[in-house]
Amino acid sequence: MRKDYRTVKGYGEKEIIISKSKFICYVNRAETEEEALTFIEKIKKMHPNATHNCSCYMIGEHDQIQKANDDGEPSGTAGVPMLEVLKKQGLKDTVVVVTRYFGGIKLGGGGLIRAYSKSTTEGIRAAQVVERRLHHLMKVSIDYTWLGKVENEIRNSSYTLHDIQYTEGVDLYIFVEKVAESTFTNWIVELTSGQSTILCEDTQFIEFVLSQSN
């Protein structure tokens, strides 16, 4: 399973005007190339009369799939600068389309690069960047006599209490970052004086929205 990584939370769009040209950036998460291509085609169908629908995407744990399309803009002035924004922000599994309606003023090569880069950056900001961190769902089984103390300590800790199930004893399910599993286990053992059973029930990613400055 892949390690912690950054991507976009989901769909986002942002429109900006640069020298009378309208740039509309559309961003979405795409975990396969098929999903990315489907999204690009969807946006193109929304804007059949646009001057350009430039696109890029970066997919895979190791960014195995990277594509950029200038869609008629001078080579290297649209798709590649857009892709570079994804790389700079360290985003994986992300697809971007920037739709341009020409406003009558030519921007030149440098101007186009800046415009498509800015539009992509604003679109990503609208979609929101998240960090997906690998967590283990830990099952802590205890006797009822320990419930009050253990539940209170967990709720006041940095760990996430997911569920509590009541049977002959009590099973608490807590999300713990993979890197903190050993620390968590030792903490629970000490907290319960060794009178608990601790198991890893599942492994999954939990998303955390990053601030705009990240």
N, C-alpha and C. Protein backbone atom coordinates (compact mmCIF):
# COMPACT_ATOMS: atom_id res chain seq x y z
N MET A 1 0.84 -1.20 0.00
CA MET A 1 0.00 0.00 0.00
C MET A 1 0.88 1.26 0.00
N ARG A 2 0.42 2.27 -0.73
CA ARG A 2 1.21 3.50 -0.85
C ARG A 2 1.31 4.25 0.47
N LYS A 3 2.28 5.14 0.55
CA LYS A 3 2.50 5.93 1.75
C LYS A 3 1.60 7.16 1.73
N ASP A 4 1.72 8.01 2.75
CA ASP A 4 0.94 9.24 2.80
C ASP A 4 1.21 10.07 1.54
N TYR A 5 0.17 10.73 1.05
CA TYR A 5 0.37 11.53 -0.15
C TYR A 5 -0.67 12.65 -0.22
N ARG A 6 -0.41 13.61 -1.13
CA ARG A 6 -1.32 14.73 -1.32
C ARG A 6 -2.09 14.58 -2.62
N THR A 7 -3.34 15.03 -2.58
CA THR A 7 -4.18 15.08 -3.78
C THR A 7 -5.21 16.17 -3.54
N VAL A 8 -6.20 16.28 -4.44
CA VAL A 8 -7.27 17.25 -4.22
C VAL A 8 -8.44 16.57 -3.52
N LYS A 9 -9.18 17.35 -2.76
CA LYS A 9 -10.31 16.80 -2.02
C LYS A 9 -11.37 16.27 -2.96
N GLY A 10 -11.56 16.98 -4.08
CA GLY A 10 -12.58 16.56 -5.05
C GLY A 10 -12.71 17.61 -6.13
N TYR A 11 -13.92 17.79 -6.62
CA TYR A 11 -14.15 18.72 -7.72
C TYR A 11 -14.03 20.17 -7.27
N GLY A 12 -13.45 20.98 -8.16
CA GLY A 12 -13.37 22.41 -7.92
C GLY A 12 -13.25 23.15 -9.23
N GLU A 13 -13.70 24.39 -9.24
CA GLU A 13 -13.56 25.21 -10.46
C GLU A 13 -13.37 26.66 -10.07
N LYS A 14 -12.68 27.39 -10.96
CA LYS A 14 -12.41 28.80 -10.71
C LYS A 14 -12.24 29.53 -12.04
N GLU A 15 -12.89 30.67 -12.16
CA GLU A 15 -12.80 31.49 -13.37
C GLU A 15 -12.01 32.75 -13.08
N ILE A 16 -11.07 33.07 -13.97
CA ILE A 16 -10.32 34.31 -13.86
C ILE A 16 -10.26 34.98 -15.23
N ILE A 17 -10.07 36.29 -15.26
CA ILE A 17 -9.94 37.05 -16.50
C ILE A 17 -8.53 37.61 -16.56
N ILE A 18 -7.86 37.35 -17.69
CA ILE A 18 -6.51 37.88 -17.90
C ILE A 18 -6.46 38.51 -19.29
N SER A 19 -6.23 39.81 -19.34
CA SER A 19 -6.18 40.55 -20.61
C SER A 19 -7.39 40.23 -21.49
N LYS A 20 -8.55 40.26 -20.88
CA LYS A 20 -9.84 40.07 -21.54
C LYS A 20 -10.13 38.62 -21.95
N SER A 21 -9.17 37.73 -21.78
CA SER A 21 -9.42 36.31 -22.04
C SER A 21 -9.97 35.67 -20.76
N LYS A 22 -10.98 34.82 -20.95
CA LYS A 22 -11.57 34.13 -19.81
C LYS A 22 -10.91 32.76 -19.67
N PHE A 23 -10.39 32.47 -18.49
CA PHE A 23 -9.79 31.17 -18.18
C PHE A 23 -10.63 30.52 -17.08
N ILE A 24 -11.16 29.33 -17.36
CA ILE A 24 -11.95 28.59 -16.37
C ILE A 24 -11.23 27.28 -16.07
N CYS A 25 -10.80 27.14 -14.84
CA CYS A 25 -10.06 25.93 -14.45
C CYS A 25 -10.99 24.94 -13.75
N TYR A 26 -10.92 23.70 -14.20
CA TYR A 26 -11.69 22.60 -13.60
C TYR A 26 -10.70 21.57 -13.06
N VAL A 27 -10.91 21.17 -11.82
CA VAL A 27 -10.00 20.22 -11.17
C VAL A 27 -10.80 19.08 -10.56
N ASN A 28 -10.25 17.89 -10.60
CA ASN A 28 -10.91 16.77 -9.94
C ASN A 28 -9.87 15.71 -9.59
N ARG A 29 -10.27 14.81 -8.71
CA ARG A 29 -9.42 13.67 -8.41
C ARG A 29 -9.66 12.58 -9.46
N ALA A 30 -8.60 11.93 -9.88
CA ALA A 30 -8.70 10.83 -10.84
C ALA A 30 -7.67 9.79 -10.47
N GLU A 31 -8.13 8.59 -10.13
CA GLU A 31 -7.21 7.54 -9.69
C GLU A 31 -6.81 6.60 -10.81
N THR A 32 -7.41 6.77 -12.00
CA THR A 32 -7.02 5.99 -13.18
C THR A 32 -6.99 6.93 -14.38
N GLU A 33 -6.27 6.53 -15.41
CA GLU A 33 -6.22 7.36 -16.62
C GLU A 33 -7.59 7.45 -17.27
N GLU A 34 -8.36 6.39 -17.18
CA GLU A 34 -9.71 6.40 -17.74
C GLU A 34 -10.57 7.47 -17.08
N GLU A 35 -10.48 7.60 -15.75
CA GLU A 35 -11.23 8.62 -15.03
C GLU A 35 -10.79 10.01 -15.48
N ALA A 36 -9.50 10.20 -15.68
CA ALA A 36 -8.98 11.50 -16.11
C ALA A 36 -9.51 11.86 -17.51
N LEU A 37 -9.44 10.91 -18.42
CA LEU A 37 -9.89 11.16 -19.80
C LEU A 37 -11.39 11.42 -19.85
N THR A 38 -12.15 10.71 -19.03
CA THR A 38 -13.60 10.92 -18.97
C THR A 38 -13.91 12.33 -18.50
N PHE A 39 -13.18 12.80 -17.48
CA PHE A 39 -13.38 14.14 -16.95
C PHE A 39 -13.05 15.19 -18.01
N ILE A 40 -11.95 14.99 -18.71
CA ILE A 40 -11.53 15.95 -19.74
C ILE A 40 -12.59 16.05 -20.84
N GLU A 41 -13.10 14.91 -21.28
CA GLU A 41 -14.12 14.90 -22.33
C GLU A 41 -15.40 15.58 -21.84
N LYS A 42 -15.73 15.40 -20.58
CA LYS A 42 -16.93 16.03 -20.01
C LYS A 42 -16.82 17.54 -20.08
N ILE A 43 -15.64 18.07 -19.72
CA ILE A 43 -15.44 19.52 -19.74
C ILE A 43 -15.46 20.04 -21.18
N LYS A 44 -14.86 19.29 -22.10
CA LYS A 44 -14.86 19.71 -23.51
C LYS A 44 -16.27 19.81 -24.06
N LYS A 45 -17.12 18.88 -23.67
CA LYS A 45 -18.52 18.90 -24.12
C LYS A 45 -19.28 20.08 -23.53
N MET A 46 -18.85 20.52 -22.36
CA MET A 46 -19.48 21.70 -21.73
C MET A 46 -19.12 22.99 -22.47
N HIS A 47 -17.95 22.97 -23.12
CA HIS A 47 -17.45 24.17 -23.79
C HIS A 47 -17.03 23.87 -25.23
N PRO A 48 -17.97 23.47 -26.08
CA PRO A 48 -17.61 23.12 -27.46
C PRO A 48 -17.13 24.31 -28.28
N ASN A 49 -17.49 25.53 -27.85
CA ASN A 49 -17.11 26.72 -28.60
C ASN A 49 -15.93 27.46 -27.99
N ALA A 50 -15.30 26.86 -27.00
CA ALA A 50 -14.14 27.49 -26.37
C ALA A 50 -12.98 27.55 -27.36
N THR A 51 -12.12 28.54 -27.18
CA THR A 51 -10.94 28.64 -28.04
C THR A 51 -9.99 27.48 -27.79
N HIS A 52 -9.83 27.11 -26.52
CA HIS A 52 -8.96 25.99 -26.14
C HIS A 52 -9.51 25.31 -24.89
N ASN A 53 -9.31 24.00 -24.81
CA ASN A 53 -9.56 23.23 -23.59
C ASN A 53 -8.28 22.45 -23.30
N CYS A 54 -7.36 23.10 -22.61
CA CYS A 54 -6.06 22.50 -22.32
C CYS A 54 -6.17 21.63 -21.07
N SER A 55 -5.33 20.60 -21.01
CA SER A 55 -5.48 19.66 -19.90
C SER A 55 -4.16 19.03 -19.47
N CYS A 56 -4.20 18.44 -18.29
CA CYS A 56 -3.07 17.66 -17.79
C CYS A 56 -3.57 16.74 -16.69
N TYR A 57 -2.80 15.70 -16.43
CA TYR A 57 -3.11 14.84 -15.28
C TYR A 57 -1.87 14.10 -14.84
N MET A 58 -1.89 13.76 -13.54
CA MET A 58 -0.79 13.03 -12.91
C MET A 58 -1.41 11.92 -12.08
N ILE A 59 -1.06 10.67 -12.41
CA ILE A 59 -1.72 9.53 -11.77
C ILE A 59 -0.70 8.47 -11.37
N GLY A 60 -0.95 7.83 -10.23
CA GLY A 60 -0.12 6.71 -9.79
C GLY A 60 0.71 7.04 -8.56
N GLU A 61 1.00 6.02 -7.79
CA GLU A 61 1.78 6.20 -6.57
C GLU A 61 3.12 6.86 -6.84
N HIS A 62 3.72 6.50 -7.97
CA HIS A 62 5.03 7.07 -8.33
C HIS A 62 4.90 7.97 -9.55
N ASP A 63 3.72 8.56 -9.74
CA ASP A 63 3.46 9.46 -10.86
C ASP A 63 3.78 8.79 -12.20
N GLN A 64 3.40 7.53 -12.32
CA GLN A 64 3.72 6.76 -13.52
C GLN A 64 3.07 7.34 -14.78
N ILE A 65 1.89 7.93 -14.62
CA ILE A 65 1.17 8.45 -15.78
C ILE A 65 1.12 9.97 -15.69
N GLN A 66 1.79 10.64 -16.63
CA GLN A 66 1.80 12.10 -16.68
C GLN A 66 1.51 12.52 -18.12
N LYS A 67 0.47 13.30 -18.30
CA LYS A 67 0.11 13.76 -19.64
C LYS A 67 -0.23 15.24 -19.62
N ALA A 68 0.10 15.92 -20.72
CA ALA A 68 -0.21 17.33 -20.86
C ALA A 68 -0.63 17.61 -22.30
N ASN A 69 -1.67 18.43 -22.47
CA ASN A 69 -2.20 18.72 -23.81
C ASN A 69 -2.43 20.21 -23.96
N ASP A 70 -1.79 20.82 -24.98
CA ASP A 70 -1.91 22.26 -25.21
C ASP A 70 -3.17 22.62 -25.99
N ASP A 71 -3.82 21.66 -26.61
CA ASP A 71 -5.06 21.86 -27.36
C ASP A 71 -5.03 23.10 -28.26
N GLY A 72 -3.98 23.22 -29.05
CA GLY A 72 -3.92 24.31 -30.02
C GLY A 72 -3.13 25.53 -29.60
N GLU A 73 -2.85 25.66 -28.32
CA GLU A 73 -1.99 26.76 -27.87
C GLU A 73 -0.56 26.43 -28.33
N PRO A 74 0.31 27.44 -28.45
CA PRO A 74 1.70 27.17 -28.83
C PRO A 74 2.33 26.11 -27.93
N SER A 75 3.09 25.22 -28.53
CA SER A 75 3.66 24.09 -27.80
C SER A 75 4.38 24.50 -26.53
N GLY A 76 4.00 23.84 -25.42
CA GLY A 76 4.68 24.08 -24.15
C GLY A 76 4.18 25.27 -23.36
N THR A 77 3.11 25.93 -23.83
CA THR A 77 2.65 27.14 -23.12
C THR A 77 1.41 26.91 -22.25
N ALA A 78 0.84 25.70 -22.28
CA ALA A 78 -0.40 25.47 -21.54
C ALA A 78 -0.34 24.19 -20.72
N GLY A 79 -0.44 23.04 -21.40
CA GLY A 79 -0.49 21.76 -20.68
C GLY A 79 0.70 21.51 -19.78
N VAL A 80 1.89 21.76 -20.27
CA VAL A 80 3.10 21.51 -19.47
C VAL A 80 3.19 22.43 -18.26
N PRO A 81 2.95 23.75 -18.40
CA PRO A 81 2.94 24.61 -17.22
C PRO A 81 1.89 24.18 -16.20
N MET A 82 0.75 23.71 -16.68
CA MET A 82 -0.29 23.21 -15.77
C MET A 82 0.21 21.99 -15.00
N LEU A 83 0.87 21.09 -15.72
CA LEU A 83 1.41 19.88 -15.10
C LEU A 83 2.49 20.23 -14.08
N GLU A 84 3.27 21.26 -14.39
CA GLU A 84 4.32 21.68 -13.47
C GLU A 84 3.75 22.18 -12.15
N VAL A 85 2.56 22.77 -12.19
CA VAL A 85 1.91 23.22 -10.95
C VAL A 85 1.58 22.01 -10.08
N LEU A 86 1.08 20.94 -10.71
CA LEU A 86 0.78 19.71 -9.97
C LEU A 86 2.04 19.16 -9.32
N LYS A 87 3.13 19.15 -10.09
CA LYS A 87 4.40 18.63 -9.57
C LYS A 87 4.92 19.49 -8.42
N LYS A 88 4.84 20.80 -8.59
CA LYS A 88 5.34 21.72 -7.56
C LYS A 88 4.58 21.54 -6.26
N GLN A 89 3.27 21.30 -6.36
CA GLN A 89 2.46 21.13 -5.15
C GLN A 89 2.45 19.68 -4.65
N GLY A 90 3.12 18.79 -5.40
CA GLY A 90 3.22 17.40 -4.97
C GLY A 90 1.90 16.66 -5.00
N LEU A 91 1.04 16.98 -5.97
CA LEU A 91 -0.29 16.38 -6.04
C LEU A 91 -0.30 15.12 -6.91
N LYS A 92 -0.92 14.09 -6.40
CA LYS A 92 -1.08 12.84 -7.13
C LYS A 92 -2.55 12.64 -7.48
N ASP A 93 -2.81 11.76 -8.44
CA ASP A 93 -4.18 11.39 -8.82
C ASP A 93 -5.05 12.61 -9.04
N THR A 94 -4.56 13.53 -9.87
CA THR A 94 -5.26 14.79 -10.10
C THR A 94 -5.33 15.10 -11.59
N VAL A 95 -6.51 15.58 -12.04
CA VAL A 95 -6.71 15.97 -13.43
C VAL A 95 -7.17 17.43 -13.47
N VAL A 96 -6.65 18.17 -14.45
CA VAL A 96 -6.97 19.59 -14.58
C VAL A 96 -7.32 19.92 -16.03
N VAL A 97 -8.36 20.70 -16.21
CA VAL A 97 -8.70 21.24 -17.53
C VAL A 97 -8.85 22.75 -17.38
N VAL A 98 -8.17 23.50 -18.26
CA VAL A 98 -8.34 24.95 -18.29
C VAL A 98 -8.96 25.32 -19.62
N THR A 99 -10.17 25.85 -19.56
CA THR A 99 -10.91 26.29 -20.74
C THR A 99 -10.63 27.77 -20.96
N ARG A 100 -10.26 28.12 -22.21
CA ARG A 100 -9.97 29.52 -22.50
C ARG A 100 -10.89 30.04 -23.60
N TYR A 101 -11.45 31.21 -23.33
CA TYR A 101 -12.19 31.96 -24.35
C TYR A 101 -11.35 33.20 -24.67
N PHE A 102 -10.84 33.26 -25.89
CA PHE A 102 -9.93 34.33 -26.30
C PHE A 102 -10.61 35.69 -26.25
N GLY A 103 -9.93 36.65 -25.65
CA GLY A 103 -10.51 37.98 -25.49
C GLY A 103 -10.02 39.02 -26.46
N GLY A 104 -9.21 38.60 -27.43
CA GLY A 104 -8.76 39.54 -28.45
C GLY A 104 -7.36 40.09 -28.25
N ILE A 105 -6.77 39.83 -27.12
CA ILE A 105 -5.41 40.32 -26.85
C ILE A 105 -4.47 39.13 -26.73
N LYS A 106 -3.45 39.08 -27.57
CA LYS A 106 -2.49 37.98 -27.52
C LYS A 106 -1.57 38.16 -26.31
N LEU A 107 -1.31 37.05 -25.65
CA LEU A 107 -0.51 37.11 -24.43
C LEU A 107 0.97 36.79 -24.64
N GLY A 108 1.29 36.18 -25.75
CA GLY A 108 2.68 35.78 -25.98
C GLY A 108 3.00 34.52 -25.19
N GLY A 109 4.12 33.89 -25.52
CA GLY A 109 4.49 32.62 -24.87
C GLY A 109 4.58 32.73 -23.35
N GLY A 110 5.33 33.72 -22.87
CA GLY A 110 5.49 33.89 -21.43
C GLY A 110 4.18 34.21 -20.74
N GLY A 111 3.37 35.03 -21.39
CA GLY A 111 2.08 35.40 -20.83
C GLY A 111 1.14 34.21 -20.72
N LEU A 112 1.17 33.34 -21.73
CA LEU A 112 0.33 32.15 -21.70
C LEU A 112 0.76 31.21 -20.57
N ILE A 113 2.06 31.02 -20.43
CA ILE A 113 2.57 30.15 -19.37
C ILE A 113 2.11 30.66 -18.01
N ARG A 114 2.24 31.95 -17.79
CA ARG A 114 1.82 32.53 -16.51
C ARG A 114 0.31 32.41 -16.31
N ALA A 115 -0.45 32.62 -17.37
CA ALA A 115 -1.91 32.57 -17.28
C ALA A 115 -2.40 31.17 -16.95
N TYR A 116 -1.88 30.17 -17.65
CA TYR A 116 -2.33 28.80 -17.41
C TYR A 116 -1.84 28.30 -16.05
N SER A 117 -0.67 28.74 -15.64
CA SER A 117 -0.16 28.35 -14.32
C SER A 117 -1.02 28.95 -13.22
N LYS A 118 -1.34 30.24 -13.36
CA LYS A 118 -2.16 30.92 -12.36
C LYS A 118 -3.55 30.31 -12.29
N SER A 119 -4.13 30.05 -13.46
CA SER A 119 -5.47 29.46 -13.49
C SER A 119 -5.49 28.10 -12.80
N THR A 120 -4.48 27.29 -13.06
CA THR A 120 -4.39 25.98 -12.42
C THR A 120 -4.25 26.10 -10.92
N THR A 121 -3.41 27.01 -10.48
CA THR A 121 -3.21 27.23 -9.05
C THR A 121 -4.51 27.63 -8.37
N GLU A 122 -5.27 28.53 -9.01
CA GLU A 122 -6.54 28.98 -8.44
C GLU A 122 -7.57 27.86 -8.43
N GLY A 123 -7.56 27.02 -9.47
CA GLY A 123 -8.48 25.90 -9.52
C GLY A 123 -8.21 24.89 -8.41
N ILE A 124 -6.94 24.63 -8.18
CA ILE A 124 -6.55 23.70 -7.11
C ILE A 124 -6.95 24.26 -5.76
N ARG A 125 -6.79 25.57 -5.58
CA ARG A 125 -7.19 26.21 -4.33
C ARG A 125 -8.69 26.02 -4.09
N ALA A 126 -9.48 26.13 -5.17
CA ALA A 126 -10.93 25.95 -5.05
C ALA A 126 -11.29 24.50 -4.73
N ALA A 127 -10.53 23.56 -5.28
CA ALA A 127 -10.80 22.13 -5.05
C ALA A 127 -10.36 21.69 -3.66
N GLN A 128 -9.40 22.39 -3.10
CA GLN A 128 -8.79 22.10 -1.78
C GLN A 128 -7.83 20.90 -1.86
N VAL A 129 -6.68 21.12 -1.25
CA VAL A 129 -5.65 20.08 -1.19
C VAL A 129 -5.81 19.31 0.12
N VAL A 130 -5.73 18.00 0.02
CA VAL A 130 -5.79 17.16 1.21
C VAL A 130 -4.55 16.28 1.28
N GLU A 131 -4.20 15.90 2.49
CA GLU A 131 -3.15 14.90 2.67
C GLU A 131 -3.83 13.62 3.14
N ARG A 132 -3.60 12.55 2.43
CA ARG A 132 -4.18 11.26 2.79
C ARG A 132 -3.12 10.50 3.60
N ARG A 133 -3.41 10.28 4.87
CA ARG A 133 -2.45 9.64 5.77
C ARG A 133 -2.92 8.23 6.09
N LEU A 134 -1.99 7.30 6.01
CA LEU A 134 -2.30 5.91 6.25
C LEU A 134 -2.53 5.67 7.75
N HIS A 135 -3.69 5.10 8.07
CA HIS A 135 -4.04 4.80 9.46
C HIS A 135 -4.37 3.33 9.64
N HIS A 136 -4.11 2.84 10.84
CA HIS A 136 -4.56 1.51 11.23
C HIS A 136 -5.79 1.67 12.13
N LEU A 137 -6.79 0.84 11.90
CA LEU A 137 -7.95 0.82 12.78
C LEU A 137 -7.66 -0.19 13.87
N MET A 138 -7.35 0.30 15.06
CA MET A 138 -6.97 -0.55 16.17
C MET A 138 -8.19 -0.93 17.02
N LYS A 139 -8.28 -2.20 17.36
CA LYS A 139 -9.35 -2.69 18.22
C LYS A 139 -8.77 -2.94 19.61
N VAL A 140 -9.31 -2.22 20.58
CA VAL A 140 -8.87 -2.36 21.96
C VAL A 140 -10.00 -3.00 22.76
N SER A 141 -9.76 -4.19 23.25
CA SER A 141 -10.78 -4.92 24.03
C SER A 141 -10.44 -4.83 25.51
N ILE A 142 -11.43 -4.37 26.29
CA ILE A 142 -11.21 -4.19 27.71
C ILE A 142 -12.45 -4.63 28.50
N ASP A 143 -12.29 -4.73 29.81
CA ASP A 143 -13.40 -5.00 30.70
C ASP A 143 -14.15 -3.69 30.95
N TYR A 144 -15.43 -3.79 31.28
CA TYR A 144 -16.24 -2.60 31.51
C TYR A 144 -15.66 -1.67 32.57
N THR A 145 -14.94 -2.24 33.51
CA THR A 145 -14.38 -1.42 34.60
C THR A 145 -13.36 -0.40 34.10
N TRP A 146 -12.80 -0.65 32.90
CA TRP A 146 -11.80 0.26 32.35
C TRP A 146 -12.40 1.29 31.39
N LEU A 147 -13.66 1.13 31.03
CA LEU A 147 -14.26 1.94 29.96
C LEU A 147 -14.16 3.44 30.19
N GLY A 148 -14.61 3.91 31.35
CA GLY A 148 -14.60 5.34 31.61
C GLY A 148 -13.23 5.97 31.45
N LYS A 149 -12.25 5.36 32.06
CA LYS A 149 -10.90 5.90 32.01
C LYS A 149 -10.33 5.86 30.60
N VAL A 150 -10.44 4.71 29.92
CA VAL A 150 -9.85 4.56 28.59
C VAL A 150 -10.54 5.45 27.57
N GLU A 151 -11.88 5.47 27.59
CA GLU A 151 -12.60 6.30 26.64
C GLU A 151 -12.25 7.77 26.82
N ASN A 152 -12.20 8.23 28.04
CA ASN A 152 -11.88 9.63 28.33
C ASN A 152 -10.48 9.99 27.85
N GLU A 153 -9.52 9.11 28.11
CA GLU A 153 -8.14 9.37 27.70
C GLU A 153 -8.02 9.41 26.17
N ILE A 154 -8.71 8.51 25.50
CA ILE A 154 -8.64 8.48 24.04
C ILE A 154 -9.27 9.73 23.44
N ARG A 155 -10.43 10.13 23.97
CA ARG A 155 -11.11 11.32 23.43
C ARG A 155 -10.29 12.59 23.66
N ASN A 156 -9.43 12.59 24.64
CA ASN A 156 -8.59 13.76 24.91
C ASN A 156 -7.19 13.62 24.34
N SER A 157 -7.02 12.62 23.49
CA SER A 157 -5.71 12.40 22.85
C SER A 157 -5.76 12.83 21.38
N SER A 158 -4.68 12.62 20.68
CA SER A 158 -4.63 12.96 19.26
C SER A 158 -5.18 11.84 18.39
N TYR A 159 -5.57 10.73 19.00
CA TYR A 159 -6.12 9.60 18.26
C TYR A 159 -7.61 9.81 18.01
N THR A 160 -8.15 9.11 17.01
CA THR A 160 -9.55 9.27 16.62
C THR A 160 -10.37 8.05 17.02
N LEU A 161 -11.30 8.26 17.95
CA LEU A 161 -12.19 7.17 18.37
C LEU A 161 -13.26 6.98 17.30
N HIS A 162 -13.28 5.82 16.68
CA HIS A 162 -14.19 5.55 15.56
C HIS A 162 -15.50 4.93 16.02
N ASP A 163 -15.43 3.98 16.97
CA ASP A 163 -16.64 3.27 17.37
C ASP A 163 -16.41 2.56 18.70
N ILE A 164 -17.51 2.28 19.40
CA ILE A 164 -17.46 1.47 20.62
C ILE A 164 -18.55 0.41 20.51
N GLN A 165 -18.17 -0.83 20.72
CA GLN A 165 -19.14 -1.93 20.68
C GLN A 165 -19.17 -2.63 22.04
N TYR A 166 -20.39 -2.87 22.52
CA TYR A 166 -20.58 -3.44 23.84
C TYR A 166 -21.05 -4.90 23.72
N THR A 167 -20.27 -5.82 24.21
CA THR A 167 -20.63 -7.24 24.23
C THR A 167 -20.40 -7.74 25.66
N GLU A 168 -19.73 -8.85 25.81
CA GLU A 168 -19.38 -9.31 27.16
C GLU A 168 -18.37 -8.36 27.79
N GLY A 169 -17.59 -7.77 26.91
CA GLY A 169 -16.65 -6.73 27.33
C GLY A 169 -16.90 -5.51 26.46
N VAL A 170 -15.91 -4.67 26.29
CA VAL A 170 -16.04 -3.47 25.46
C VAL A 170 -14.94 -3.47 24.41
N ASP A 171 -15.33 -3.23 23.17
CA ASP A 171 -14.36 -3.11 22.08
C ASP A 171 -14.36 -1.68 21.57
N LEU A 172 -13.23 -1.02 21.68
CA LEU A 172 -13.09 0.34 21.16
C LEU A 172 -12.27 0.29 19.87
N TYR A 173 -12.74 1.01 18.86
CA TYR A 173 -12.04 1.05 17.58
C TYR A 173 -11.48 2.45 17.39
N ILE A 174 -10.17 2.52 17.23
CA ILE A 174 -9.48 3.80 17.18
C ILE A 174 -8.58 3.87 15.95
N PHE A 175 -8.68 5.00 15.24
CA PHE A 175 -7.79 5.22 14.11
C PHE A 175 -6.46 5.78 14.62
N VAL A 176 -5.39 5.11 14.22
CA VAL A 176 -4.05 5.50 14.66
C VAL A 176 -3.15 5.57 13.43
N GLU A 177 -2.41 6.66 13.28
CA GLU A 177 -1.49 6.75 12.16
C GLU A 177 -0.51 5.58 12.22
N LYS A 178 -0.21 5.04 11.06
CA LYS A 178 0.65 3.85 10.99
C LYS A 178 1.96 4.05 11.74
N VAL A 179 2.54 5.22 11.60
CA VAL A 179 3.84 5.49 12.22
C VAL A 179 3.74 5.56 13.75
N ALA A 180 2.50 5.72 14.27
CA ALA A 180 2.33 5.87 15.72
C ALA A 180 1.78 4.61 16.37
N GLU A 181 1.68 3.52 15.62
CA GLU A 181 1.05 2.32 16.16
C GLU A 181 1.78 1.78 17.40
N SER A 182 3.09 1.73 17.36
CA SER A 182 3.85 1.21 18.49
C SER A 182 3.67 2.08 19.73
N THR A 183 3.71 3.39 19.53
CA THR A 183 3.52 4.32 20.64
C THR A 183 2.12 4.16 21.25
N PHE A 184 1.12 4.02 20.38
CA PHE A 184 -0.26 3.84 20.83
C PHE A 184 -0.41 2.56 21.64
N THR A 185 0.15 1.48 21.11
CA THR A 185 0.03 0.19 21.79
C THR A 185 0.64 0.24 23.19
N ASN A 186 1.83 0.81 23.28
CA ASN A 186 2.49 0.92 24.59
C ASN A 186 1.67 1.79 25.55
N TRP A 187 1.06 2.83 25.03
CA TRP A 187 0.25 3.74 25.84
C TRP A 187 -0.97 3.02 26.42
N ILE A 188 -1.66 2.24 25.58
CA ILE A 188 -2.84 1.51 26.03
C ILE A 188 -2.46 0.44 27.06
N VAL A 189 -1.36 -0.25 26.82
CA VAL A 189 -0.89 -1.28 27.77
C VAL A 189 -0.64 -0.65 29.14
N GLU A 190 0.02 0.51 29.14
CA GLU A 190 0.31 1.20 30.40
C GLU A 190 -0.97 1.71 31.05
N LEU A 191 -1.88 2.24 30.20
CA LEU A 191 -3.13 2.82 30.69
C LEU A 191 -4.01 1.78 31.38
N THR A 192 -3.98 0.56 30.85
CA THR A 192 -4.84 -0.51 31.38
C THR A 192 -4.09 -1.50 32.25
N SER A 193 -2.86 -1.17 32.59
CA SER A 193 -2.02 -2.07 33.39
C SER A 193 -1.94 -3.45 32.75
N GLY A 194 -1.89 -3.46 31.43
CA GLY A 194 -1.75 -4.70 30.69
C GLY A 194 -3.03 -5.51 30.57
N GLN A 195 -4.15 -4.96 31.05
CA GLN A 195 -5.42 -5.70 31.02
C GLN A 195 -6.26 -5.33 29.80
N SER A 196 -5.67 -5.46 28.64
CA SER A 196 -6.36 -5.16 27.39
C SER A 196 -5.78 -6.02 26.28
N THR A 197 -6.59 -6.21 25.24
CA THR A 197 -6.13 -6.90 24.03
C THR A 197 -6.16 -5.90 22.89
N ILE A 198 -5.07 -5.79 22.16
CA ILE A 198 -4.96 -4.78 21.11
C ILE A 198 -4.65 -5.46 19.78
N LEU A 199 -5.51 -5.22 18.79
CA LEU A 199 -5.35 -5.82 17.47
C LEU A 199 -5.52 -4.76 16.38
N CYS A 200 -4.86 -4.98 15.25
CA CYS A 200 -5.06 -4.12 14.09
C CYS A 200 -6.13 -4.77 13.21
N GLU A 201 -7.27 -4.09 13.06
CA GLU A 201 -8.41 -4.65 12.34
C GLU A 201 -8.42 -4.29 10.86
N ASP A 202 -7.87 -3.13 10.51
CA ASP A 202 -7.96 -2.66 9.12
C ASP A 202 -6.91 -1.58 8.89
N THR A 203 -6.64 -1.31 7.60
CA THR A 203 -5.73 -0.24 7.22
C THR A 203 -6.41 0.60 6.15
N GLN A 204 -6.45 1.91 6.35
CA GLN A 204 -7.08 2.78 5.35
C GLN A 204 -6.55 4.20 5.48
N PHE A 205 -6.84 5.00 4.43
CA PHE A 205 -6.40 6.39 4.44
C PHE A 205 -7.47 7.28 5.05
N ILE A 206 -7.02 8.27 5.81
CA ILE A 206 -7.90 9.32 6.32
C ILE A 206 -7.38 10.64 5.75
N GLU A 207 -8.32 11.48 5.30
CA GLU A 207 -7.94 12.73 4.65
C GLU A 207 -7.96 13.92 5.59
N PHE A 208 -6.97 14.79 5.43
CA PHE A 208 -6.87 16.02 6.22
C PHE A 208 -6.72 17.18 5.26
N VAL A 209 -7.63 18.14 5.33
CA VAL A 209 -7.56 19.31 4.46
C VAL A 209 -6.40 20.19 4.90
N LEU A 210 -5.57 20.57 3.95
CA LEU A 210 -4.41 21.42 4.26
C LEU A 210 -4.79 22.88 4.09
N SER A 211 -4.15 23.74 4.85
CA SER A 211 -4.42 25.16 4.75
C SER A 211 -3.93 25.67 3.40
N GLN A 212 -4.44 26.81 2.99
CA GLN A 212 -4.13 27.34 1.66
C GLN A 212 -2.67 27.69 1.50
N SER A 213 -1.96 27.86 2.59
CA SER A 213 -0.54 28.24 2.51
C SER A 213 0.34 27.04 2.17
N ASN A 214 -0.22 25.79 2.28
CA ASN A 214 0.57 24.60 2.02
C ASN A 214 0.67 24.33 0.54
